C-alpha atoms as a PDB file:
ATOM      1  CA  MET A   1     118.918 105.233 121.735  1.00  0.00           C
ATOM      2  CA  ARG A   2     121.720 104.534 119.548  1.00  0.00           C
ATOM      3  CA  ALA A   3     121.127 103.703 115.970  1.00  0.00           C
ATOM      4  CA  ILE A   4     122.492 100.773 114.333  1.00  0.00           C
ATOM      5  CA  THR A   5     124.184 101.269 111.136  1.00  0.00           C
ATOM      6  CA  LEU A   6     123.968  99.173 107.918  1.00  0.00           C
ATOM      7  CA  ASP A   7     127.272  97.198 109.018  1.00  0.00           C
ATOM      8  CA  GLY A   8     125.568  96.401 112.245  1.00  0.00           C
ATOM      9  CA  PHE A   9     122.573  95.007 109.993  1.00  0.00           C
ATOM     10  CA  GLU A  10     124.940  93.021 107.988  1.00  0.00           C
ATOM     11  CA  ARG A  11     126.637  91.508 110.884  1.00  0.00           C
ATOM     12  CA  THR A  12     123.258  90.650 112.412  1.00  0.00           C
ATOM     13  CA  PHE A  13     121.896  88.782 109.416  1.00  0.00           C
ATOM     14  CA  ALA A  14     124.977  87.028 108.797  1.00  0.00           C
ATOM     15  CA  ALA A  15     125.224  85.700 112.067  1.00  0.00           C
ATOM     16  CA  ASP A  16     121.253  84.803 111.866  1.00  0.00           C
ATOM     17  CA  PRO A  17     118.878  84.543 109.014  1.00  0.00           C
ATOM     18  CA  ASP A  18     115.847  84.915 111.238  1.00  0.00           C
ATOM     19  CA  PRO A  19     117.397  87.429 113.996  1.00  0.00           C
ATOM     20  CA  TRP A  20     113.693  88.936 114.720  1.00  0.00           C
ATOM     21  CA  ARG A  21     111.909  85.107 114.104  1.00  0.00           C
ATOM     22  CA  THR A  22     109.945  86.662 111.463  1.00  0.00           C
ATOM     23  CA  PHE A  23     109.157  83.545 109.510  1.00  0.00           C
ATOM     24  CA  ALA A  24     107.967  81.715 112.799  1.00  0.00           C
ATOM     25  CA  ASN A  25     106.832  84.416 115.292  1.00  0.00           C
ATOM     26  CA  ARG A  26     102.848  84.421 115.586  1.00  0.00           C
ATOM     27  CA  ASP A  27     102.808  88.251 116.157  1.00  0.00           C
ATOM     28  CA  GLU A  28     104.733  88.745 112.747  1.00  0.00           C
ATOM     29  CA  ALA A  29     102.345  86.564 111.038  1.00  0.00           C
ATOM     30  CA  THR A  30      99.508  88.547 112.225  1.00  0.00           C
ATOM     31  CA  LYS A  31     101.323  91.735 111.141  1.00  0.00           C
ATOM     32  CA  ARG A  32     102.011  90.096 107.644  1.00  0.00           C
ATOM     33  CA  THR A  33      98.107  89.322 107.301  1.00  0.00           C
ATOM     34  CA  ALA A  34      97.606  93.017 107.864  1.00  0.00           C
ATOM     35  CA  ILE A  35     100.042  94.330 105.498  1.00  0.00           C
ATOM     36  CA  LEU A  36      98.590  91.763 102.934  1.00  0.00           C
ATOM     37  CA  HIS A  37      95.158  93.012 103.517  1.00  0.00           C
ATOM     38  CA  ALA A  38      96.397  96.654 103.128  1.00  0.00           C
ATOM     39  CA  ILE A  39      97.802  95.678  99.765  1.00  0.00           C
ATOM     40  CA  GLY A  40      94.672  94.041  98.485  1.00  0.00           C
ATOM     41  CA  ALA A  41      93.967  91.012  96.909  1.00  0.00           C
ATOM     42  CA  GLY A  42      95.402  91.860  93.762  1.00  0.00           C
ATOM     43  CA  PRO A  43      96.797  91.269  91.213  1.00  0.00           C
ATOM     44  CA  HIS A  44      98.898  94.573  91.031  1.00  0.00           C
ATOM     45  CA  GLY A  45     101.212  95.205  88.077  1.00  0.00           C
ATOM     46  CA  ARG A  46     104.252  96.453  90.443  1.00  0.00           C
ATOM     47  CA  ILE A  47     105.163  96.330  93.949  1.00  0.00           C
ATOM     48  CA  LEU A  48     108.042  97.860  95.484  1.00  0.00           C
ATOM     49  CA  GLU A  49     109.115  96.345  99.190  1.00  0.00           C
ATOM     50  CA  LEU A  50     111.805  98.748 101.013  1.00  0.00           C
ATOM     51  CA  ALA A  51     113.980  96.890 103.687  1.00  0.00           C
ATOM     52  CA  ALA A  52     112.769  93.330 102.879  1.00  0.00           C
ATOM     53  CA  GLY A  53     115.262  92.249 105.626  1.00  0.00           C
ATOM     54  CA  ASN A  54     115.360  88.284 105.032  1.00  0.00           C
ATOM     55  CA  GLY A  55     112.210  88.020 102.704  1.00  0.00           C
ATOM     56  CA  SER A  56     109.805  86.928 105.412  1.00  0.00           C
ATOM     57  CA  ASN A  57     106.778  88.944 103.710  1.00  0.00           C
ATOM     58  CA  SER A  58     108.424  89.138 100.126  1.00  0.00           C
ATOM     59  CA  ARG A  59     107.330  85.471  98.965  1.00  0.00           C
ATOM     60  CA  ALA A  60     103.514  86.723 100.087  1.00  0.00           C
ATOM     61  CA  PHE A  61     103.937  89.850  98.001  1.00  0.00           C
ATOM     62  CA  ALA A  62     105.053  88.114  94.972  1.00  0.00           C
ATOM     63  CA  ALA A  63     101.982  85.912  94.578  1.00  0.00           C
ATOM     64  CA  ARG A  64     100.050  89.466  94.224  1.00  0.00           C
ATOM     65  CA  THR A  65     101.937  91.213  91.769  1.00  0.00           C
ATOM     66  CA  LEU A  66     103.170  90.453  88.238  1.00  0.00           C
ATOM     67  CA  ARG A  67     106.379  92.379  89.209  1.00  0.00           C
ATOM     68  CA  LEU A  68     108.027  92.751  92.439  1.00  0.00           C
ATOM     69  CA  ASP A  69     111.168  94.269  93.444  1.00  0.00           C
ATOM     70  CA  ALA A  70     112.213  93.510  96.994  1.00  0.00           C
ATOM     71  CA  THR A  71     114.835  95.758  98.086  1.00  0.00           C
ATOM     72  CA  GLU A  72     117.371  95.206 100.792  1.00  0.00           C
ATOM     73  CA  ALA A  73     120.107  97.610 102.021  1.00  0.00           C
ATOM     74  CA  THR A  74     122.648  94.890 103.079  1.00  0.00           C
ATOM     75  CA  ALA A  75     124.501  92.210 101.250  1.00  0.00           C
ATOM     76  CA  ALA A  76     123.424  89.185 103.556  1.00  0.00           C
ATOM     77  CA  GLY A  77     119.887  90.406 103.575  1.00  0.00           C
ATOM     78  CA  THR A  78     119.484  90.635  99.780  1.00  0.00           C
ATOM     79  CA  ARG A  79     120.808  87.077  99.511  1.00  0.00           C
ATOM     80  CA  LEU A  80     118.488  86.289 102.230  1.00  0.00           C
ATOM     81  CA  VAL A  81     115.382  87.718 100.358  1.00  0.00           C
ATOM     82  CA  ALA A  82     116.488  86.232  96.811  1.00  0.00           C
ATOM     83  CA  ALA A  83     116.310  82.733  98.414  1.00  0.00           C
ATOM     84  CA  ALA A  84     113.047  83.575 100.157  1.00  0.00           C
ATOM     85  CA  LEU A  85     111.652  84.503  96.887  1.00  0.00           C
ATOM     86  CA  PRO A  86     109.640  81.527  94.520  1.00  0.00           C
ATOM     87  CA  PRO A  87     112.104  79.562  93.007  1.00  0.00           C
ATOM     88  CA  GLY A  88     112.595  80.195  89.300  1.00  0.00           C
ATOM     89  CA  SER A  89     110.189  83.163  89.640  1.00  0.00           C
ATOM     90  CA  ARG A  90     110.836  85.887  86.617  1.00  0.00           C
ATOM     91  CA  ARG A  91     108.009  87.963  88.347  1.00  0.00           C
ATOM     92  CA  ALA A  92     109.979  88.790  91.675  1.00  0.00           C
ATOM     93  CA  ARG A  93     113.485  90.049  92.061  1.00  0.00           C
ATOM     94  CA  ALA A  94     115.707  90.665  95.148  1.00  0.00           C
ATOM     95  CA  LEU A  95     117.760  94.330  94.909  1.00  0.00           C
ATOM     96  CA  ARG A  96     120.315  95.775  97.176  1.00  0.00           C
ATOM     97  CA  LEU A  97     119.056  99.284  97.877  1.00  0.00           C
ATOM     98  CA  ALA A  98     119.538 101.410 100.555  1.00  0.00           C
ATOM     99  CA  VAL A  99     117.370 104.643 100.773  1.00  0.00           C
ATOM    100  CA  PRO A 100     117.337 107.229  99.972  1.00  0.00           C
ATOM    101  CA  ALA A 101     118.539 106.423  96.357  1.00  0.00           C
ATOM    102  CA  ARG A 102     117.017 105.871  92.928  1.00  0.00           C
ATOM    103  CA  LEU A 103     114.196 103.484  92.819  1.00  0.00           C
ATOM    104  CA  PRO A 104     114.522 100.371  90.663  1.00  0.00           C
ATOM    105  CA  ARG A 105     111.679 101.714  88.585  1.00  0.00           C
ATOM    106  CA  SER A 106     109.573 104.951  88.296  1.00  0.00           C
ATOM    107  CA  ARG A 107     106.398 103.810  89.026  1.00  0.00           C
ATOM    108  CA  TYR A 108     104.453 101.256  91.289  1.00  0.00           C
ATOM    109  CA  ASP A 109     100.999 100.206  92.075  1.00  0.00           C
ATOM    110  CA  ALA A 110     101.933  99.525  95.608  1.00  0.00           C
ATOM    111  CA  ILE A 111     104.919 100.468  97.838  1.00  0.00           C
ATOM    112  CA  VAL A 112     105.488  98.575 101.324  1.00  0.00           C
ATOM    113  CA  VAL A 113     107.605 100.116 103.816  1.00  0.00           C
ATOM    114  CA  ALA A 114     107.978  97.852 107.018  1.00  0.00           C
ATOM    115  CA  GLU A 115     110.170  98.625 110.118  1.00  0.00           C
ATOM    116  CA  LEU A 116     112.240 100.998 108.182  1.00  0.00           C
ATOM    117  CA  LEU A 117     111.622 104.412 108.982  1.00  0.00           C
ATOM    118  CA  TYR A 118     112.971 104.852 112.665  1.00  0.00           C
ATOM    119  CA  TYR A 119     115.975 103.750 111.240  1.00  0.00           C
ATOM    120  CA  LEU A 120     116.492 106.515 108.998  1.00  0.00           C
ATOM    121  CA  SER A 121     117.945 109.995 109.819  1.00  0.00           C
ATOM    122  CA  PRO A 122     115.220 112.598 109.672  1.00  0.00           C
ATOM    123  CA  ARG A 123     117.143 113.935 106.284  1.00  0.00           C
ATOM    124  CA  ALA A 124     117.056 110.513 104.755  1.00  0.00           C
ATOM    125  CA  MET A 125     113.671 109.991 105.775  1.00  0.00           C
ATOM    126  CA  LYS A 126     112.575 113.397 104.072  1.00  0.00           C
ATOM    127  CA  ARG A 127     113.968 112.412 100.874  1.00  0.00           C
ATOM    128  CA  THR A 128     112.779 108.952 100.894  1.00  0.00           C
ATOM    129  CA  ALA A 129     109.471 110.255 101.488  1.00  0.00           C
ATOM    130  CA  ARG A 130     109.298 112.646  98.548  1.00  0.00           C
ATOM    131  CA  ASP A 131     110.774 109.753  96.202  1.00  0.00           C
ATOM    132  CA  LEU A 132     108.228 107.377  97.269  1.00  0.00           C
ATOM    133  CA  ALA A 133     105.379 109.872  96.504  1.00  0.00           C
ATOM    134  CA  ARG A 134     106.438 110.476  93.061  1.00  0.00           C
ATOM    135  CA  ALA A 135     106.744 106.851  92.330  1.00  0.00           C
ATOM    136  CA  LEU A 136     103.458 105.828  93.553  1.00  0.00           C
ATOM    137  CA  ARG A 137     100.916 105.863  90.741  1.00  0.00           C
ATOM    138  CA  PRO A 138      97.409 108.104  91.136  1.00  0.00           C
ATOM    139  CA  GLY A 139      95.142 105.514  93.121  1.00  0.00           C
ATOM    140  CA  GLY A 140      98.233 103.328  94.050  1.00  0.00           C
ATOM    141  CA  THR A 141      98.679 102.146  97.840  1.00  0.00           C
ATOM    142  CA  LEU A 142     101.464 103.215 100.159  1.00  0.00           C
ATOM    143  CA  VAL A 143     101.581 100.518 102.920  1.00  0.00           C
ATOM    144  CA  LEU A 144     103.283 101.515 106.401  1.00  0.00           C
ATOM    145  CA  ALA A 145     103.890  98.973 109.110  1.00  0.00           C
ATOM    146  CA  HIS A 146     106.134  99.946 111.851  1.00  0.00           C
ATOM    147  CA  HIS A 147     106.351  99.497 115.622  1.00  0.00           C
ATOM    148  CA  ARG A 148     104.729 102.216 117.785  1.00  0.00           C
ATOM    149  CA  ILE A 149     107.212 101.687 120.743  1.00  0.00           C
ATOM    150  CA  ASP A 150     110.767 102.552 120.689  1.00  0.00           C
ATOM    151  CA  PHE A 151     113.615 100.028 120.753  1.00  0.00           C
ATOM    152  CA  HIS A 152     117.383 100.833 121.698  1.00  0.00           C
ATOM    153  CA  ASP A 153     118.733 100.691 118.062  1.00  0.00           C
ATOM    154  CA  PHE A 154     116.360 103.405 116.413  1.00  0.00           C
ATOM    155  CA  ALA A 155     117.394 106.721 115.085  1.00  0.00           C
ATOM    156  CA  GLN A 156     114.057 108.221 115.541  1.00  0.00           C
ATOM    157  CA  HIS A 157     111.311 107.805 117.844  1.00  0.00           C
ATOM    158  CA  ALA A 158     108.326 105.270 116.796  1.00  0.00           C
ATOM    159  CA  ALA A 159     105.422 107.242 118.151  1.00  0.00           C
ATOM    160  CA  GLY A 160     103.656 109.334 115.454  1.00  0.00           C
ATOM    161  CA  LEU A 161     106.707 108.800 112.829  1.00  0.00           C
ATOM    162  CA  GLN A 162     104.346 107.192 110.185  1.00  0.00           C
ATOM    163  CA  ARG A 163     102.248 110.331 110.128  1.00  0.00           C
ATOM    164  CA  TYR A 164     105.257 112.541 110.284  1.00  0.00           C
ATOM    165  CA  PHE A 165     106.723 110.510 107.278  1.00  0.00           C
ATOM    166  CA  LEU A 166     103.729 111.259 105.403  1.00  0.00           C
ATOM    167  CA  ALA A 167     103.466 114.748 105.941  1.00  0.00           C
ATOM    168  CA  ARG A 168     107.198 114.761 104.512  1.00  0.00           C
ATOM    169  CA  THR A 169     105.810 113.423 101.276  1.00  0.00           C
ATOM    170  CA  GLY A 170     104.484 116.614 100.084  1.00  0.00           C
ATOM    171  CA  GLN A 171     101.213 114.839  99.219  1.00  0.00           C
ATOM    172  CA  ALA A 172      97.874 114.637 100.783  1.00  0.00           C
ATOM    173  CA  TRP A 173      96.866 111.198 102.053  1.00  0.00           C
ATOM    174  CA  SER A 174      93.543 109.231 102.685  1.00  0.00           C
ATOM    175  CA  VAL A 175      94.976 106.891 105.477  1.00  0.00           C
ATOM    176  CA  ARG A 176      93.115 103.661 106.733  1.00  0.00           C
ATOM    177  CA  THR A 177      94.143 102.235 109.714  1.00  0.00           C
ATOM    178  CA  VAL A 178      94.355  98.341 108.722  1.00  0.00           C
ATOM    179  CA  ARG A 179      95.433  96.945 112.027  1.00  0.00           C
ATOM    180  CA  ARG A 180      96.706  98.246 115.558  1.00  0.00           C
ATOM    181  CA  THR A 181      98.178  96.461 118.527  1.00  0.00           C
ATOM    182  CA  GLY A 182      99.847  97.630 121.526  1.00  0.00           C
ATOM    183  CA  ARG A 183     103.300  97.181 119.525  1.00  0.00           C
ATOM    184  CA  TRP A 184     102.457  98.013 116.069  1.00  0.00           C
ATOM    185  CA  VAL A 185     100.186  99.588 113.411  1.00  0.00           C
ATOM    186  CA  VAL A 186      99.757  99.069 109.678  1.00  0.00           C
ATOM    187  CA  LEU A 187      98.407 101.670 107.525  1.00  0.00           C
ATOM    188  CA  ALA A 188      96.917 101.699 103.821  1.00  0.00           C
ATOM    189  CA  CYS A 189      97.678 105.398 102.365  1.00  0.00           C
ATOM    190  CA  VAL A 190      96.315 106.476  99.422  1.00  0.00           C
ATOM    191  CA  PRO A 191      97.271 109.465  97.402  1.00  0.00           C
ATOM    192  CA  ARG A 192      93.938 112.389  97.304  1.00  0.00           C
ATOM    193  CA  ARG A 193      93.809 114.055  94.131  1.00  0.00           C
ATOM    194  CA  SER A 194      94.765 117.372  93.875  1.00  0.00           C
ATOM    195  CA  PRO A 195      92.064 119.717  93.094  1.00  0.00           C
ATOM    196  CA  ARG A 196      93.528 120.573  89.630  1.00  0.00           C
ATOM    197  CA  SER A 197      93.085 116.815  88.802  1.00  0.00           C
ATOM    198  CA  SER A 198      89.448 116.542  89.876  1.00  0.00           C
END
């Protein structure tokens, strides 16, 4: 494997606004439905979406929250996310953010991380894990949606990576598998209350 860089993603989105056919592909639609099921009907107060790509999931998330921060690490991708959001919406915004970094808000009711973790170095993933655990409100939901198989441009192997990520948060989790296929898995993760807060 040879990890793709942010410049590589930038070129990819500049050349094709839907390089992985996430708007039209049937399997991607199935995955999106599973992610929405993991989030729950809502409405939620605040949702954070990391690595929003071209915004193919962002519009659906915006309908379930009072505030959506849809973040993307590339300039081209951020423009695509902004275009995908409901026109004139004051509840949803596209923000450029490459993790690990300071998050747009200090607290979220739900956080969605889809197709990102294997592009991060182990060190960047660990810091991101800690940041997200701190930002998720007690009782909130962290949704993880990733491939189970490796692709040539990953920085880390996909198998078991979501569980490894959760272990790096420093938090105990109740984990529910929402949907699993031969290619990908969607998890809904809720922080467990510590003994001190019981």
